[in-house]
Amino acid sequence: MFMYIVVLTFLLLSLVLYALLGGADFGAGVIQLLSTTPKAEKVIGRAIGPIWEANHMWLVIAVVISFMGFPAIFKVISTALHIPVFILLLGIIFRGTAYAFKHYDAIKDEKSQLMYHRVFVWGSLVSSLFIGITFGAMSLGKIDPNPSDFYMGYIAPWFNFFSISVGFLATALFAFLAAVYLIGENEDPEVKEFFIQKAWKWLLAAVGLGPIVFIAAYVDGLPLFNELISSPLSIVAVVVAAAALPFLFKAVRQGKVLLARLMAGAQTILILGAWLLVHYPHAIMLSNGGSLDLYDSRAPDATLAVLGWALMLGSLFILPALGYLYVVFKGHGPEESI
């Protein structure tokens, strides 16, 4: 039981940290998709340059934990949801490749730079969108263990109003996080105001998309609201998140960097926490009314013991090194714009 808790804790921490860090990297690209300025692009390049690839370690850790610690859950995700997961991975690969070529291509002409920029921003949007779609599909309950055809088995579980609405909510949250983080990356008043306005707009978008997610859940037959109010901890998380919104709005508008960053991170954690608490211990809801539970779907105790010790010992080496990376290289990335 102890190792199960250890492994589950590392899995949840990996998902939360990937949302807070990797999600913000995706959000930086989404911000540039709609509008940007040369100065803002340059700040984004310097801010995410040294750490953008390191943030994907949290996704890798989450995948490894799922594969080893919860194989039944991993099997369903990699089969029933292989299309959105594949598109997500394509987005990550293409945006990363475009970022690298934009900065390190031997020949930097205007045409190629524009192409790399477009691939980067669209790859960021695709990645953000399909992270949300995948998690929405896991919660909706349209995954059929014995599908009658290809559509019901591999399209219907994720290509629906609810999953897509969750995808857009995740995209708005990631863009908001990125804008908040970037407010403090440059002292130029013009650049700071640009990111303040972006943070403000994307926060409004996220708040507006929240009710749409509940409406979509109702339309697609998921009693999300009833599930939410049935969990006391989820209610507390939502109430705290809602009560903190005016203070978060104020911190963003006033450009209070540290406070805004802490509150934006806390807001994201509260939203994710409420979502997880509503469904725990269920990891995947099935169309037959059943579910795959984390505890019941766990690997044998011997496997969990090896995995748990590997995670605990590995963290002693990885976390200090990652912290050192942030301290030494943060803010000293490529000078070119993205």
C-alpha atoms as a PDB file:
ATOM      1  CA  MET A   1       0.000   0.000   0.000  1.00  0.00           C
ATOM      2  CA  PHE A   2       2.828   2.397   0.859  1.00  0.00           C
ATOM      3  CA  MET A   3       4.509   2.009  -2.538  1.00  0.00           C
ATOM      4  CA  TYR A   4       1.161   2.449  -4.262  1.00  0.00           C
ATOM      5  CA  ILE A   5       0.817   5.828  -2.535  1.00  0.00           C
ATOM      6  CA  VAL A   6       4.396   6.740  -3.466  1.00  0.00           C
ATOM      7  CA  VAL A   7       3.898   5.859  -7.129  1.00  0.00           C
ATOM      8  CA  LEU A   8       0.506   7.593  -7.305  1.00  0.00           C
ATOM      9  CA  THR A   9       1.963  10.727  -5.669  1.00  0.00           C
ATOM     10  CA  PHE A  10       4.755  10.909  -8.226  1.00  0.00           C
ATOM     11  CA  LEU A  11       2.223  10.414 -11.041  1.00  0.00           C
ATOM     12  CA  LEU A  12       0.011  13.253  -9.814  1.00  0.00           C
ATOM     13  CA  LEU A  13       2.978  15.551  -9.198  1.00  0.00           C
ATOM     14  CA  SER A  14       4.290  14.850 -12.695  1.00  0.00           C
ATOM     15  CA  LEU A  15       0.947  15.740 -14.261  1.00  0.00           C
ATOM     16  CA  VAL A  16       0.604  18.927 -12.211  1.00  0.00           C
ATOM     17  CA  LEU A  17       4.167  20.058 -12.924  1.00  0.00           C
ATOM     18  CA  TYR A  18       3.769  19.317 -16.615  1.00  0.00           C
ATOM     19  CA  ALA A  19       0.649  21.474 -16.656  1.00  0.00           C
ATOM     20  CA  LEU A  20       2.374  24.321 -14.783  1.00  0.00           C
ATOM     21  CA  LEU A  21       5.656  24.224 -16.733  1.00  0.00           C
ATOM     22  CA  GLY A  22       5.209  22.366 -20.009  1.00  0.00           C
ATOM     23  CA  GLY A  23       1.705  23.786 -20.366  1.00  0.00           C
ATOM     24  CA  ALA A  24       3.080  27.307 -20.024  1.00  0.00           C
ATOM     25  CA  ASP A  25       5.564  26.553 -22.817  1.00  0.00           C
ATOM     26  CA  PHE A  26       2.665  25.536 -25.050  1.00  0.00           C
ATOM     27  CA  GLY A  27       0.831  28.660 -23.958  1.00  0.00           C
ATOM     28  CA  ALA A  28       3.719  30.843 -25.090  1.00  0.00           C
ATOM     29  CA  GLY A  29       3.176  29.561 -28.617  1.00  0.00           C
ATOM     30  CA  VAL A  30      -0.595  29.999 -28.380  1.00  0.00           C
ATOM     31  CA  ILE A  31      -0.116  33.633 -27.350  1.00  0.00           C
ATOM     32  CA  GLN A  32       1.895  34.274 -30.499  1.00  0.00           C
ATOM     33  CA  LEU A  33      -0.695  32.583 -32.692  1.00  0.00           C
ATOM     34  CA  LEU A  34      -3.222  35.388 -32.317  1.00  0.00           C
ATOM     35  CA  SER A  35      -1.026  38.484 -32.010  1.00  0.00           C
ATOM     36  CA  THR A  36       2.458  39.411 -30.920  1.00  0.00           C
ATOM     37  CA  THR A  37       5.194  42.000 -31.214  1.00  0.00           C
ATOM     38  CA  PRO A  38       8.889  41.620 -32.089  1.00  0.00           C
ATOM     39  CA  LYS A  39       9.870  42.609 -28.537  1.00  0.00           C
ATOM     40  CA  ALA A  40       7.458  40.102 -27.018  1.00  0.00           C
ATOM     41  CA  GLU A  41       8.739  37.324 -29.278  1.00  0.00           C
ATOM     42  CA  LYS A  42      12.288  38.069 -28.206  1.00  0.00           C
ATOM     43  CA  VAL A  43      11.329  37.893 -24.529  1.00  0.00           C
ATOM     44  CA  ILE A  44       9.534  34.578 -25.066  1.00  0.00           C
ATOM     45  CA  GLY A  45      12.594  33.163 -26.832  1.00  0.00           C
ATOM     46  CA  ARG A  46      14.889  34.120 -23.956  1.00  0.00           C
ATOM     47  CA  ALA A  47      12.445  32.913 -21.318  1.00  0.00           C
ATOM     48  CA  ILE A  48      11.711  29.407 -22.594  1.00  0.00           C
ATOM     49  CA  GLY A  49      14.916  28.789 -24.550  1.00  0.00           C
ATOM     50  CA  PRO A  50      17.004  27.107 -21.827  1.00  0.00           C
ATOM     51  CA  ILE A  51      14.199  25.033 -20.272  1.00  0.00           C
ATOM     52  CA  TRP A  52      11.558  24.286 -22.910  1.00  0.00           C
ATOM     53  CA  GLU A  53      12.774  20.730 -23.536  1.00  0.00           C
ATOM     54  CA  ALA A  54      13.551  19.960 -19.894  1.00  0.00           C
ATOM     55  CA  ASN A  55       9.889  20.514 -19.007  1.00  0.00           C
ATOM     56  CA  HIS A  56       8.911  17.462 -21.062  1.00  0.00           C
ATOM     57  CA  MET A  57      10.631  15.244 -18.504  1.00  0.00           C
ATOM     58  CA  TRP A  58       7.433  15.452 -16.438  1.00  0.00           C
ATOM     59  CA  LEU A  59       5.425  13.982 -19.298  1.00  0.00           C
ATOM     60  CA  VAL A  60       8.014  11.238 -19.772  1.00  0.00           C
ATOM     61  CA  ILE A  61       7.868  10.402 -16.061  1.00  0.00           C
ATOM     62  CA  ALA A  62       4.051  10.301 -16.128  1.00  0.00           C
ATOM     63  CA  VAL A  63       4.085   7.960 -19.144  1.00  0.00           C
ATOM     64  CA  VAL A  64       6.659   5.636 -17.550  1.00  0.00           C
ATOM     65  CA  ILE A  65       4.716   5.519 -14.281  1.00  0.00           C
ATOM     66  CA  SER A  66       1.485   4.756 -16.151  1.00  0.00           C
ATOM     67  CA  PHE A  67       3.123   2.045 -18.242  1.00  0.00           C
ATOM     68  CA  MET A  68       4.787   0.305 -15.296  1.00  0.00           C
ATOM     69  CA  GLY A  69       2.518   1.137 -12.384  1.00  0.00           C
ATOM     70  CA  PHE A  70      -0.931   1.084 -14.008  1.00  0.00           C
ATOM     71  CA  PRO A  71      -0.626  -1.078 -17.155  1.00  0.00           C
ATOM     72  CA  ALA A  72      -4.366  -1.662 -17.623  1.00  0.00           C
ATOM     73  CA  ILE A  73      -4.996   2.089 -17.713  1.00  0.00           C
ATOM     74  CA  PHE A  74      -2.053   2.654 -20.044  1.00  0.00           C
ATOM     75  CA  LYS A  75      -3.401  -0.038 -22.376  1.00  0.00           C
ATOM     76  CA  VAL A  76      -6.801   1.627 -22.704  1.00  0.00           C
ATOM     77  CA  ILE A  77      -5.314   5.089 -23.272  1.00  0.00           C
ATOM     78  CA  SER A  78      -2.872   3.822 -25.888  1.00  0.00           C
ATOM     79  CA  THR A  79      -5.585   1.943 -27.789  1.00  0.00           C
ATOM     80  CA  ALA A  80      -8.969   3.666 -27.420  1.00  0.00           C
ATOM     81  CA  LEU A  81      -7.370   7.135 -27.341  1.00  0.00           C
ATOM     82  CA  HIS A  82      -4.432   6.476 -29.642  1.00  0.00           C
ATOM     83  CA  ILE A  83      -5.606   9.067 -32.197  1.00  0.00           C
ATOM     84  CA  PRO A  84      -5.685  12.129 -29.882  1.00  0.00           C
ATOM     85  CA  VAL A  85      -2.498  10.930 -28.156  1.00  0.00           C
ATOM     86  CA  PHE A  86      -0.787  10.547 -31.538  1.00  0.00           C
ATOM     87  CA  ILE A  87      -1.879  14.034 -32.611  1.00  0.00           C
ATOM     88  CA  LEU A  88      -0.646  15.409 -29.264  1.00  0.00           C
ATOM     89  CA  LEU A  89       2.767  13.819 -29.784  1.00  0.00           C
ATOM     90  CA  LEU A  90       2.916  15.150 -33.343  1.00  0.00           C
ATOM     91  CA  GLY A  91       2.245  18.639 -32.010  1.00  0.00           C
ATOM     92  CA  ILE A  92       5.023  18.312 -29.440  1.00  0.00           C
ATOM     93  CA  ILE A  93       7.483  16.960 -32.017  1.00  0.00           C
ATOM     94  CA  PHE A  94       6.724  19.542 -34.700  1.00  0.00           C
ATOM     95  CA  ARG A  95       6.807  22.527 -32.346  1.00  0.00           C
ATOM     96  CA  GLY A  96      10.094  21.342 -30.839  1.00  0.00           C
ATOM     97  CA  THR A  97      11.644  20.710 -34.234  1.00  0.00           C
ATOM     98  CA  ALA A  98      10.528  24.111 -35.509  1.00  0.00           C
ATOM     99  CA  TYR A  99      11.934  25.823 -32.415  1.00  0.00           C
ATOM    100  CA  ALA A 100      15.318  24.153 -32.858  1.00  0.00           C
ATOM    101  CA  PHE A 101      15.552  24.853 -36.592  1.00  0.00           C
ATOM    102  CA  LYS A 102      14.479  28.468 -36.153  1.00  0.00           C
ATOM    103  CA  HIS A 103      17.384  29.160 -33.830  1.00  0.00           C
ATOM    104  CA  TYR A 104      20.050  26.830 -35.180  1.00  0.00           C
ATOM    105  CA  ASP A 105      19.349  26.525 -38.902  1.00  0.00           C
ATOM    106  CA  ALA A 106      22.552  27.181 -40.867  1.00  0.00           C
ATOM    107  CA  ILE A 107      20.692  29.461 -43.285  1.00  0.00           C
ATOM    108  CA  LYS A 108      18.271  31.927 -41.713  1.00  0.00           C
ATOM    109  CA  ASP A 109      16.203  33.529 -44.434  1.00  0.00           C
ATOM    110  CA  GLU A 110      12.861  35.254 -43.981  1.00  0.00           C
ATOM    111  CA  LYS A 111      10.830  32.512 -45.669  1.00  0.00           C
ATOM    112  CA  SER A 112      12.192  29.658 -43.561  1.00  0.00           C
ATOM    113  CA  GLN A 113      11.946  31.670 -40.338  1.00  0.00           C
ATOM    114  CA  LEU A 114       8.281  32.400 -41.038  1.00  0.00           C
ATOM    115  CA  MET A 115       7.638  28.719 -41.732  1.00  0.00           C
ATOM    116  CA  TYR A 116       9.319  27.665 -38.479  1.00  0.00           C
ATOM    117  CA  HIS A 117       7.325  30.287 -36.592  1.00  0.00           C
ATOM    118  CA  ARG A 118       4.030  29.023 -37.998  1.00  0.00           C
ATOM    119  CA  VAL A 119       4.846  25.404 -37.231  1.00  0.00           C
ATOM    120  CA  PHE A 120       5.820  26.367 -33.676  1.00  0.00           C
ATOM    121  CA  VAL A 121       2.665  28.312 -32.872  1.00  0.00           C
ATOM    122  CA  TRP A 122       0.275  25.829 -34.515  1.00  0.00           C
ATOM    123  CA  GLY A 123       2.099  22.929 -32.893  1.00  0.00           C
ATOM    124  CA  SER A 124       1.657  24.667 -29.542  1.00  0.00           C
ATOM    125  CA  LEU A 125      -2.080  25.038 -30.143  1.00  0.00           C
ATOM    126  CA  VAL A 126      -2.473  21.403 -31.213  1.00  0.00           C
ATOM    127  CA  SER A 127      -0.523  20.178 -28.178  1.00  0.00           C
ATOM    128  CA  SER A 128      -2.564  22.253 -25.727  1.00  0.00           C
ATOM    129  CA  LEU A 129      -5.860  21.337 -27.313  1.00  0.00           C
ATOM    130  CA  PHE A 130      -5.242  17.592 -27.426  1.00  0.00           C
ATOM    131  CA  ILE A 131      -3.944  17.380 -23.867  1.00  0.00           C
ATOM    132  CA  GLY A 132      -7.342  18.639 -22.759  1.00  0.00           C
ATOM    133  CA  ILE A 133      -9.226  16.469 -25.258  1.00  0.00           C
ATOM    134  CA  THR A 134      -7.445  13.333 -24.014  1.00  0.00           C
ATOM    135  CA  PHE A 135      -8.220  14.016 -20.364  1.00  0.00           C
ATOM    136  CA  GLY A 136     -11.790  14.954 -21.232  1.00  0.00           C
ATOM    137  CA  ALA A 137     -12.241  11.656 -23.057  1.00  0.00           C
ATOM    138  CA  MET A 138     -10.934   9.742 -20.055  1.00  0.00           C
ATOM    139  CA  SER A 139     -13.661  11.297 -17.891  1.00  0.00           C
ATOM    140  CA  LEU A 140     -16.672  11.274 -20.205  1.00  0.00           C
ATOM    141  CA  GLY A 141     -17.445   7.553 -20.214  1.00  0.00           C
ATOM    142  CA  LYS A 142     -17.657   6.891 -23.943  1.00  0.00           C
ATOM    143  CA  ILE A 143     -14.738   4.485 -24.137  1.00  0.00           C
ATOM    144  CA  ASP A 144     -16.197   1.146 -25.227  1.00  0.00           C
ATOM    145  CA  PRO A 145     -14.204  -1.946 -24.105  1.00  0.00           C
ATOM    146  CA  ASN A 146     -15.788  -3.948 -26.934  1.00  0.00           C
ATOM    147  CA  PRO A 147     -16.554  -1.488 -29.744  1.00  0.00           C
ATOM    148  CA  SER A 148     -18.812  -2.528 -32.613  1.00  0.00           C
ATOM    149  CA  ASP A 149     -16.934  -0.502 -35.223  1.00  0.00           C
ATOM    150  CA  PHE A 150     -13.959   1.826 -35.734  1.00  0.00           C
ATOM    151  CA  TYR A 151     -15.930   5.010 -35.084  1.00  0.00           C
ATOM    152  CA  MET A 152     -17.368   3.846 -31.768  1.00  0.00           C
ATOM    153  CA  GLY A 153     -14.020   2.433 -30.679  1.00  0.00           C
ATOM    154  CA  TYR A 154     -11.574   5.151 -31.683  1.00  0.00           C
ATOM    155  CA  ILE A 155     -13.434   8.345 -32.692  1.00  0.00           C
ATOM    156  CA  ALA A 156     -16.539   8.705 -30.526  1.00  0.00           C
ATOM    157  CA  PRO A 157     -14.684   8.585 -27.172  1.00  0.00           C
ATOM    158  CA  TRP A 158     -12.856  11.876 -27.852  1.00  0.00           C
ATOM    159  CA  PHE A 159     -14.542  13.581 -30.819  1.00  0.00           C
ATOM    160  CA  ASN A 160     -17.414  15.103 -28.867  1.00  0.00           C
ATOM    161  CA  PHE A 161     -18.584  18.410 -27.402  1.00  0.00           C
ATOM    162  CA  PHE A 162     -17.320  17.733 -23.884  1.00  0.00           C
ATOM    163  CA  SER A 163     -13.794  16.565 -24.726  1.00  0.00           C
ATOM    164  CA  ILE A 164     -13.253  19.392 -27.193  1.00  0.00           C
ATOM    165  CA  SER A 165     -14.520  21.970 -24.682  1.00  0.00           C
ATOM    166  CA  VAL A 166     -12.031  20.632 -22.119  1.00  0.00           C
ATOM    167  CA  GLY A 167      -9.349  20.976 -24.800  1.00  0.00           C
ATOM    168  CA  PHE A 168     -10.151  24.648 -25.295  1.00  0.00           C
ATOM    169  CA  LEU A 169     -10.242  25.225 -21.533  1.00  0.00           C
ATOM    170  CA  ALA A 170      -6.777  23.670 -21.188  1.00  0.00           C
ATOM    171  CA  THR A 171      -5.526  25.871 -24.049  1.00  0.00           C
ATOM    172  CA  ALA A 172      -6.837  29.024 -22.365  1.00  0.00           C
ATOM    173  CA  LEU A 173      -5.303  28.028 -19.014  1.00  0.00           C
ATOM    174  CA  PHE A 174      -1.915  27.326 -20.600  1.00  0.00           C
ATOM    175  CA  ALA A 175      -1.908  30.640 -22.465  1.00  0.00           C
ATOM    176  CA  PHE A 176      -2.881  32.428 -19.251  1.00  0.00           C
ATOM    177  CA  LEU A 177      -0.071  30.753 -17.317  1.00  0.00           C
ATOM    178  CA  ALA A 178       2.444  31.666 -20.007  1.00  0.00           C
ATOM    179  CA  ALA A 179       1.367  35.315 -20.064  1.00  0.00           C
ATOM    180  CA  VAL A 180       1.558  35.587 -16.263  1.00  0.00           C
ATOM    181  CA  TYR A 181       4.996  33.992 -16.132  1.00  0.00           C
ATOM    182  CA  LEU A 182       6.245  36.293 -18.904  1.00  0.00           C
ATOM    183  CA  ILE A 183       5.134  39.516 -17.194  1.00  0.00           C
ATOM    184  CA  GLY A 184       8.264  39.440 -15.056  1.00  0.00           C
ATOM    185  CA  GLU A 185      10.707  38.376 -17.773  1.00  0.00           C
ATOM    186  CA  ASN A 186      11.402  41.909 -19.020  1.00  0.00           C
ATOM    187  CA  GLU A 187      11.394  45.398 -17.514  1.00  0.00           C
ATOM    188  CA  ASP A 188      10.329  47.169 -20.709  1.00  0.00           C
ATOM    189  CA  PRO A 189       6.957  48.818 -19.847  1.00  0.00           C
ATOM    190  CA  GLU A 190       5.626  48.116 -23.350  1.00  0.00           C
ATOM    191  CA  VAL A 191       6.434  44.414 -23.104  1.00  0.00           C
ATOM    192  CA  LYS A 192       5.093  44.107 -19.557  1.00  0.00           C
ATOM    193  CA  GLU A 193       1.823  45.751 -20.606  1.00  0.00           C
ATOM    194  CA  PHE A 194       1.579  43.401 -23.587  1.00  0.00           C
ATOM    195  CA  PHE A 195       1.756  40.323 -21.368  1.00  0.00           C
ATOM    196  CA  ILE A 196      -0.520  41.862 -18.737  1.00  0.00           C
ATOM    197  CA  GLN A 197      -3.179  42.385 -21.391  1.00  0.00           C
ATOM    198  CA  LYS A 198      -2.673  38.848 -22.685  1.00  0.00           C
ATOM    199  CA  ALA A 199      -2.950  37.390 -19.188  1.00  0.00           C
ATOM    200  CA  TRP A 200      -6.106  39.385 -18.560  1.00  0.00           C
ATOM    201  CA  LYS A 201      -7.760  38.261 -21.807  1.00  0.00           C
ATOM    202  CA  TRP A 202      -6.826  34.598 -21.475  1.00  0.00           C
ATOM    203  CA  LEU A 203      -8.020  34.527 -17.865  1.00  0.00           C
ATOM    204  CA  LEU A 204     -11.373  35.898 -19.012  1.00  0.00           C
ATOM    205  CA  ALA A 205     -11.418  33.232 -21.735  1.00  0.00           C
ATOM    206  CA  ALA A 206     -10.735  30.471 -19.192  1.00  0.00           C
ATOM    207  CA  VAL A 207     -13.449  31.775 -16.859  1.00  0.00           C
ATOM    208  CA  GLY A 208     -15.893  31.924 -19.766  1.00  0.00           C
ATOM    209  CA  LEU A 209     -15.051  28.404 -20.908  1.00  0.00           C
ATOM    210  CA  GLY A 210     -15.711  26.936 -17.463  1.00  0.00           C
ATOM    211  CA  PRO A 211     -19.534  27.030 -17.748  1.00  0.00           C
ATOM    212  CA  ILE A 212     -19.286  25.748 -21.331  1.00  0.00           C
ATOM    213  CA  VAL A 213     -17.513  22.627 -20.045  1.00  0.00           C
ATOM    214  CA  PHE A 214     -20.404  21.975 -17.640  1.00  0.00           C
ATOM    215  CA  ILE A 215     -22.951  22.553 -20.409  1.00  0.00           C
ATOM    216  CA  ALA A 216     -21.038  20.197 -22.705  1.00  0.00           C
ATOM    217  CA  ALA A 217     -20.922  17.581 -19.950  1.00  0.00           C
ATOM    218  CA  TYR A 218     -24.700  17.818 -19.545  1.00  0.00           C
ATOM    219  CA  VAL A 219     -25.274  17.562 -23.305  1.00  0.00           C
ATOM    220  CA  ASP A 220     -23.016  14.499 -23.568  1.00  0.00           C
ATOM    221  CA  GLY A 221     -24.618  12.770 -20.598  1.00  0.00           C
ATOM    222  CA  LEU A 222     -21.940  13.324 -17.954  1.00  0.00           C
ATOM    223  CA  PRO A 223     -23.352  14.495 -14.575  1.00  0.00           C
ATOM    224  CA  LEU A 224     -20.261  16.583 -13.895  1.00  0.00           C
ATOM    225  CA  PHE A 225     -22.020  19.144 -11.725  1.00  0.00           C
ATOM    226  CA  ASN A 226     -23.628  16.457  -9.542  1.00  0.00           C
ATOM    227  CA  GLU A 227     -20.286  14.698  -9.208  1.00  0.00           C
ATOM    228  CA  LEU A 228     -18.641  17.965  -8.249  1.00  0.00           C
ATOM    229  CA  ILE A 229     -21.078  18.835  -5.476  1.00  0.00           C
ATOM    230  CA  SER A 230     -20.933  15.275  -4.143  1.00  0.00           C
ATOM    231  CA  SER A 231     -17.259  15.683  -3.234  1.00  0.00           C
ATOM    232  CA  PRO A 232     -16.645  18.047  -0.284  1.00  0.00           C
ATOM    233  CA  LEU A 233     -12.985  18.516  -1.173  1.00  0.00           C
ATOM    234  CA  SER A 234     -13.858  19.346  -4.768  1.00  0.00           C
ATOM    235  CA  ILE A 235     -16.374  21.925  -3.572  1.00  0.00           C
ATOM    236  CA  VAL A 236     -13.719  23.503  -1.362  1.00  0.00           C
ATOM    237  CA  ALA A 237     -11.247  23.626  -4.267  1.00  0.00           C
ATOM    238  CA  VAL A 238     -13.789  25.268  -6.592  1.00  0.00           C
ATOM    239  CA  VAL A 239     -14.966  27.770  -3.947  1.00  0.00           C
ATOM    240  CA  VAL A 240     -11.398  28.785  -3.119  1.00  0.00           C
ATOM    241  CA  ALA A 241     -10.543  29.111  -6.817  1.00  0.00           C
ATOM    242  CA  ALA A 242     -13.616  31.258  -7.438  1.00  0.00           C
ATOM    243  CA  ALA A 243     -13.024  33.409  -4.348  1.00  0.00           C
ATOM    244  CA  ALA A 244      -9.427  34.027  -5.413  1.00  0.00           C
ATOM    245  CA  LEU A 245     -10.395  35.245  -8.893  1.00  0.00           C
ATOM    246  CA  PRO A 246     -10.842  38.954  -7.973  1.00  0.00           C
ATOM    247  CA  PHE A 247      -7.450  38.990  -6.265  1.00  0.00           C
ATOM    248  CA  LEU A 248      -5.887  37.214  -9.238  1.00  0.00           C
ATOM    249  CA  PHE A 249      -7.452  39.741 -11.630  1.00  0.00           C
ATOM    250  CA  LYS A 250      -6.058  42.573  -9.500  1.00  0.00           C
ATOM    251  CA  ALA A 251      -2.569  41.063  -9.265  1.00  0.00           C
ATOM    252  CA  VAL A 252      -2.432  40.600 -13.047  1.00  0.00           C
ATOM    253  CA  ARG A 253      -3.755  44.085 -13.818  1.00  0.00           C
ATOM    254  CA  GLN A 254      -1.216  45.673 -11.467  1.00  0.00           C
ATOM    255  CA  GLY A 255       1.649  43.588 -12.828  1.00  0.00           C
ATOM    256  CA  LYS A 256       2.575  42.129  -9.426  1.00  0.00           C
ATOM    257  CA  VAL A 257       4.875  39.472 -10.794  1.00  0.00           C
ATOM    258  CA  LEU A 258       5.505  37.114  -7.881  1.00  0.00           C
ATOM    259  CA  LEU A 259       1.973  37.296  -6.491  1.00  0.00           C
ATOM    260  CA  ALA A 260       0.434  36.800  -9.923  1.00  0.00           C
ATOM    261  CA  ARG A 261       2.655  33.805 -10.641  1.00  0.00           C
ATOM    262  CA  LEU A 262       1.888  32.157  -7.306  1.00  0.00           C
ATOM    263  CA  MET A 263      -1.836  32.765  -7.635  1.00  0.00           C
ATOM    264  CA  ALA A 264      -1.937  31.589 -11.266  1.00  0.00           C
ATOM    265  CA  GLY A 265      -0.147  28.385 -10.305  1.00  0.00           C
ATOM    266  CA  ALA A 266      -2.436  27.885  -7.317  1.00  0.00           C
ATOM    267  CA  GLN A 267      -5.499  28.499  -9.484  1.00  0.00           C
ATOM    268  CA  THR A 268      -4.380  25.831 -11.944  1.00  0.00           C
ATOM    269  CA  ILE A 269      -3.648  23.370  -9.135  1.00  0.00           C
ATOM    270  CA  LEU A 270      -7.082  23.985  -7.606  1.00  0.00           C
ATOM    271  CA  ILE A 271      -8.820  23.370 -10.937  1.00  0.00           C
ATOM    272  CA  LEU A 272      -6.826  20.196 -11.578  1.00  0.00           C
ATOM    273  CA  GLY A 273      -7.312  19.142  -7.968  1.00  0.00           C
ATOM    274  CA  ALA A 274     -11.076  19.549  -8.158  1.00  0.00           C
ATOM    275  CA  TRP A 275     -11.112  17.554 -11.389  1.00  0.00           C
ATOM    276  CA  LEU A 276      -9.048  14.721  -9.922  1.00  0.00           C
ATOM    277  CA  LEU A 277     -10.990  14.616  -6.649  1.00  0.00           C
ATOM    278  CA  VAL A 278     -14.296  14.329  -8.510  1.00  0.00           C
ATOM    279  CA  HIS A 279     -13.138  11.172 -10.282  1.00  0.00           C
ATOM    280  CA  TYR A 280     -10.786   9.537  -7.774  1.00  0.00           C
ATOM    281  CA  PRO A 281     -10.196   6.605  -7.603  1.00  0.00           C
ATOM    282  CA  HIS A 282     -11.559   6.279 -11.144  1.00  0.00           C
ATOM    283  CA  ALA A 283      -8.967   6.969 -13.841  1.00  0.00           C
ATOM    284  CA  ILE A 284     -11.035   6.095 -16.921  1.00  0.00           C
ATOM    285  CA  MET A 285     -14.806   5.950 -17.230  1.00  0.00           C
ATOM    286  CA  LEU A 286     -16.186   3.296 -19.601  1.00  0.00           C
ATOM    287  CA  SER A 287     -19.323   3.317 -21.735  1.00  0.00           C
ATOM    288  CA  ASN A 288     -20.765   0.249 -20.001  1.00  0.00           C
ATOM    289  CA  GLY A 289     -21.019   2.159 -16.729  1.00  0.00           C
ATOM    290  CA  GLY A 290     -17.833   0.658 -15.336  1.00  0.00           C
ATOM    291  CA  SER A 291     -14.456   2.253 -14.798  1.00  0.00           C
ATOM    292  CA  LEU A 292     -10.785   1.551 -14.419  1.00  0.00           C
ATOM    293  CA  ASP A 293      -9.759   2.417 -10.889  1.00  0.00           C
ATOM    294  CA  LEU A 294      -6.227   3.354  -9.979  1.00  0.00           C
ATOM    295  CA  TYR A 295      -5.964   0.958  -7.051  1.00  0.00           C
ATOM    296  CA  ASP A 296      -7.586  -1.992  -8.809  1.00  0.00           C
ATOM    297  CA  SER A 297      -5.542  -1.374 -11.978  1.00  0.00           C
ATOM    298  CA  ARG A 298      -2.196  -1.160 -10.212  1.00  0.00           C
ATOM    299  CA  ALA A 299       0.723  -3.372 -11.106  1.00  0.00           C
ATOM    300  CA  PRO A 300       1.827  -6.223  -8.804  1.00  0.00           C
ATOM    301  CA  ASP A 301       3.320  -5.133  -5.483  1.00  0.00           C
ATOM    302  CA  ALA A 302       6.819  -6.238  -6.534  1.00  0.00           C
ATOM    303  CA  THR A 303       6.670  -3.980  -9.593  1.00  0.00           C
ATOM    304  CA  LEU A 304       5.349  -1.046  -7.554  1.00  0.00           C
ATOM    305  CA  ALA A 305       8.159  -1.531  -5.032  1.00  0.00           C
ATOM    306  CA  VAL A 306      10.861  -1.346  -7.710  1.00  0.00           C
ATOM    307  CA  LEU A 307       9.168   1.612  -9.394  1.00  0.00           C
ATOM    308  CA  GLY A 308       8.642   3.434  -6.112  1.00  0.00           C
ATOM    309  CA  TRP A 309      12.266   3.094  -5.030  1.00  0.00           C
ATOM    310  CA  ALA A 310      13.458   4.140  -8.499  1.00  0.00           C
ATOM    311  CA  LEU A 311      11.318   7.280  -8.338  1.00  0.00           C
ATOM    312  CA  MET A 312      12.403   8.222  -4.821  1.00  0.00           C
ATOM    313  CA  LEU A 313      16.112   7.632  -5.431  1.00  0.00           C
ATOM    314  CA  GLY A 314      16.004   9.154  -8.908  1.00  0.00           C
ATOM    315  CA  SER A 315      14.382  12.313  -7.594  1.00  0.00           C
ATOM    316  CA  LEU A 316      17.366  12.854  -5.302  1.00  0.00           C
ATOM    317  CA  PHE A 317      19.537  13.299  -8.396  1.00  0.00           C
ATOM    318  CA  ILE A 318      17.096  14.742 -10.928  1.00  0.00           C
ATOM    319  CA  LEU A 319      15.373  17.435  -8.878  1.00  0.00           C
ATOM    320  CA  PRO A 320      18.543  19.225  -7.662  1.00  0.00           C
ATOM    321  CA  ALA A 321      19.965  19.096 -11.201  1.00  0.00           C
ATOM    322  CA  LEU A 322      16.745  20.506 -12.635  1.00  0.00           C
ATOM    323  CA  GLY A 323      16.710  23.258 -10.020  1.00  0.00           C
ATOM    324  CA  TYR A 324      20.302  24.096 -10.879  1.00  0.00           C
ATOM    325  CA  LEU A 325      19.347  24.288 -14.561  1.00  0.00           C
ATOM    326  CA  TYR A 326      16.604  26.793 -13.813  1.00  0.00           C
ATOM    327  CA  VAL A 327      18.824  28.948 -11.625  1.00  0.00           C
ATOM    328  CA  VAL A 328      21.813  29.022 -13.972  1.00  0.00           C
ATOM    329  CA  PHE A 329      20.212  29.215 -17.389  1.00  0.00           C
ATOM    330  CA  LYS A 330      16.802  30.825 -16.801  1.00  0.00           C
ATOM    331  CA  GLY A 331      16.507  33.972 -18.840  1.00  0.00           C
ATOM    332  CA  HIS A 332      19.648  33.385 -20.892  1.00  0.00           C
ATOM    333  CA  GLY A 333      18.185  31.653 -23.916  1.00  0.00           C
ATOM    334  CA  PRO A 334      18.483  32.595 -27.567  1.00  0.00           C
ATOM    335  CA  GLU A 335      18.271  36.278 -28.337  1.00  0.00           C
ATOM    336  CA  GLU A 336      16.401  35.743 -31.577  1.00  0.00           C
ATOM    337  CA  SER A 337      12.632  35.933 -31.632  1.00  0.00           C
ATOM    338  CA  ILE A 338      10.596  32.796 -31.883  1.00  0.00           C
END
